[in-house]
């Protein structure tokens, strides 16, 4: 969850800085893009955690 939030904030700020804020739609696009990127990164991190738990439970992952 925190990975997705950090990525969303960073991406939204980066896109907002690039847009120049001349048009209100640019800011909206930056926020929506940040949320989308945060969702992708957050779900990827969550699925990786689930994969690691499953492998530990099966005894196939040693943590290295």
C-alpha atoms as a PDB file:
ATOM      1  CA  UNK A   1       0.000   0.000   0.000  1.00  0.00           C
ATOM      2  CA  UNK A   2       2.719   2.462   0.911  1.00  0.00           C
ATOM      3  CA  UNK A   3       4.672   1.656  -2.266  1.00  0.00           C
ATOM      4  CA  UNK A   4       1.697   2.596  -4.404  1.00  0.00           C
ATOM      5  CA  UNK A   5       1.069   5.772  -2.441  1.00  0.00           C
ATOM      6  CA  UNK A   6       4.694   6.909  -2.717  1.00  0.00           C
ATOM      7  CA  UNK A   7       4.762   6.238  -6.458  1.00  0.00           C
ATOM      8  CA  UNK A   8       1.417   7.983  -6.961  1.00  0.00           C
ATOM      9  CA  UNK A   9       2.543  11.129  -5.156  1.00  0.00           C
ATOM     10  CA  UNK A  10       5.926  11.235  -6.866  1.00  0.00           C
ATOM     11  CA  UNK A  11       4.467  10.650 -10.331  1.00  0.00           C
ATOM     12  CA  UNK A  12       1.680  13.202  -9.846  1.00  0.00           C
ATOM     13  CA  UNK A  13       4.144  15.850  -8.651  1.00  0.00           C
ATOM     14  CA  UNK A  14       6.501  15.095 -11.536  1.00  0.00           C
ATOM     15  CA  UNK A  15       3.742  15.287 -14.149  1.00  0.00           C
ATOM     16  CA  UNK A  16       2.324  18.408 -12.496  1.00  0.00           C
ATOM     17  CA  UNK A  17       5.719  20.099 -12.664  1.00  0.00           C
ATOM     18  CA  UNK A  18       6.098  19.194 -16.338  1.00  0.00           C
ATOM     19  CA  UNK A  19       2.628  20.424 -17.277  1.00  0.00           C
ATOM     20  CA  UNK A  20       3.187  24.009 -16.168  1.00  0.00           C
ATOM     21  CA  UNK A  21      -0.377  24.208 -14.761  1.00  0.00           C
ATOM     22  CA  UNK A  22      -1.644  26.481 -17.549  1.00  0.00           C
ATOM     23  CA  UNK A  23      -4.668  24.306 -18.139  1.00  0.00           C
ATOM     24  CA  UNK A  24      -6.708  22.784 -15.285  1.00  0.00           C
ATOM     25  CA  UNK A  25      -6.992  19.573 -17.302  1.00  0.00           C
ATOM     26  CA  UNK A  26      -3.202  19.170 -17.090  1.00  0.00           C
ATOM     27  CA  UNK A  27      -3.357  19.032 -13.299  1.00  0.00           C
ATOM     28  CA  UNK A  28      -6.286  16.599 -13.448  1.00  0.00           C
ATOM     29  CA  UNK A  29      -4.350  14.398 -15.873  1.00  0.00           C
ATOM     30  CA  UNK A  30      -1.301  14.457 -13.593  1.00  0.00           C
ATOM     31  CA  UNK A  31      -3.371  13.345 -10.586  1.00  0.00           C
ATOM     32  CA  UNK A  32      -5.200  10.623 -12.497  1.00  0.00           C
ATOM     33  CA  UNK A  33      -1.937   9.414 -14.018  1.00  0.00           C
ATOM     34  CA  UNK A  34      -0.335   9.340 -10.579  1.00  0.00           C
ATOM     35  CA  UNK A  35      -3.211   7.327  -9.172  1.00  0.00           C
ATOM     36  CA  UNK A  36      -3.018   4.883 -12.072  1.00  0.00           C
ATOM     37  CA  UNK A  37       0.738   4.403 -11.671  1.00  0.00           C
ATOM     38  CA  UNK A  38       0.336   4.034  -7.911  1.00  0.00           C
ATOM     39  CA  UNK A  39      -2.330   1.394  -8.417  1.00  0.00           C
ATOM     40  CA  UNK A  40      -0.120  -0.576 -10.819  1.00  0.00           C
ATOM     41  CA  UNK A  41       2.926  -0.430  -8.529  1.00  0.00           C
ATOM     42  CA  UNK A  42       0.867  -1.164  -5.413  1.00  0.00           C
ATOM     43  CA  UNK A  43      -0.817  -4.209  -6.933  1.00  0.00           C
ATOM     44  CA  UNK A  44       2.518  -5.478  -8.235  1.00  0.00           C
ATOM     45  CA  UNK A  45       4.099  -5.188  -4.786  1.00  0.00           C
ATOM     46  CA  UNK A  46       1.091  -6.870  -3.175  1.00  0.00           C
ATOM     47  CA  UNK A  47       1.144  -9.779  -5.610  1.00  0.00           C
ATOM     48  CA  UNK A  48       4.887 -10.213  -5.036  1.00  0.00           C
ATOM     49  CA  UNK A  49       4.321 -10.395  -1.278  1.00  0.00           C
ATOM     50  CA  UNK A  50       1.635 -13.039  -1.810  1.00  0.00           C
ATOM     51  CA  UNK A  51       3.990 -15.021  -4.058  1.00  0.00           C
ATOM     52  CA  UNK A  52       6.765 -14.931  -1.455  1.00  0.00           C
ATOM     53  CA  UNK A  53       4.384 -16.067   1.304  1.00  0.00           C
ATOM     54  CA  UNK A  54       3.198 -18.960  -0.848  1.00  0.00           C
ATOM     55  CA  UNK A  55       6.753 -20.034  -1.655  1.00  0.00           C
ATOM     56  CA  UNK A  56       7.737 -19.855   2.032  1.00  0.00           C
ATOM     57  CA  UNK A  57       4.705 -21.916   2.982  1.00  0.00           C
ATOM     58  CA  UNK A  58       5.668 -24.561   0.404  1.00  0.00           C
ATOM     59  CA  UNK A  59       9.302 -24.504   1.552  1.00  0.00           C
ATOM     60  CA  UNK A  60      10.629 -23.468  -1.856  1.00  0.00           C
ATOM     61  CA  UNK A  61      11.949 -20.009  -0.930  1.00  0.00           C
ATOM     62  CA  UNK A  62      14.819 -19.403   1.468  1.00  0.00           C
ATOM     63  CA  UNK A  63      14.660 -15.574   1.536  1.00  0.00           C
ATOM     64  CA  UNK A  64      17.777 -14.877  -0.506  1.00  0.00           C
END
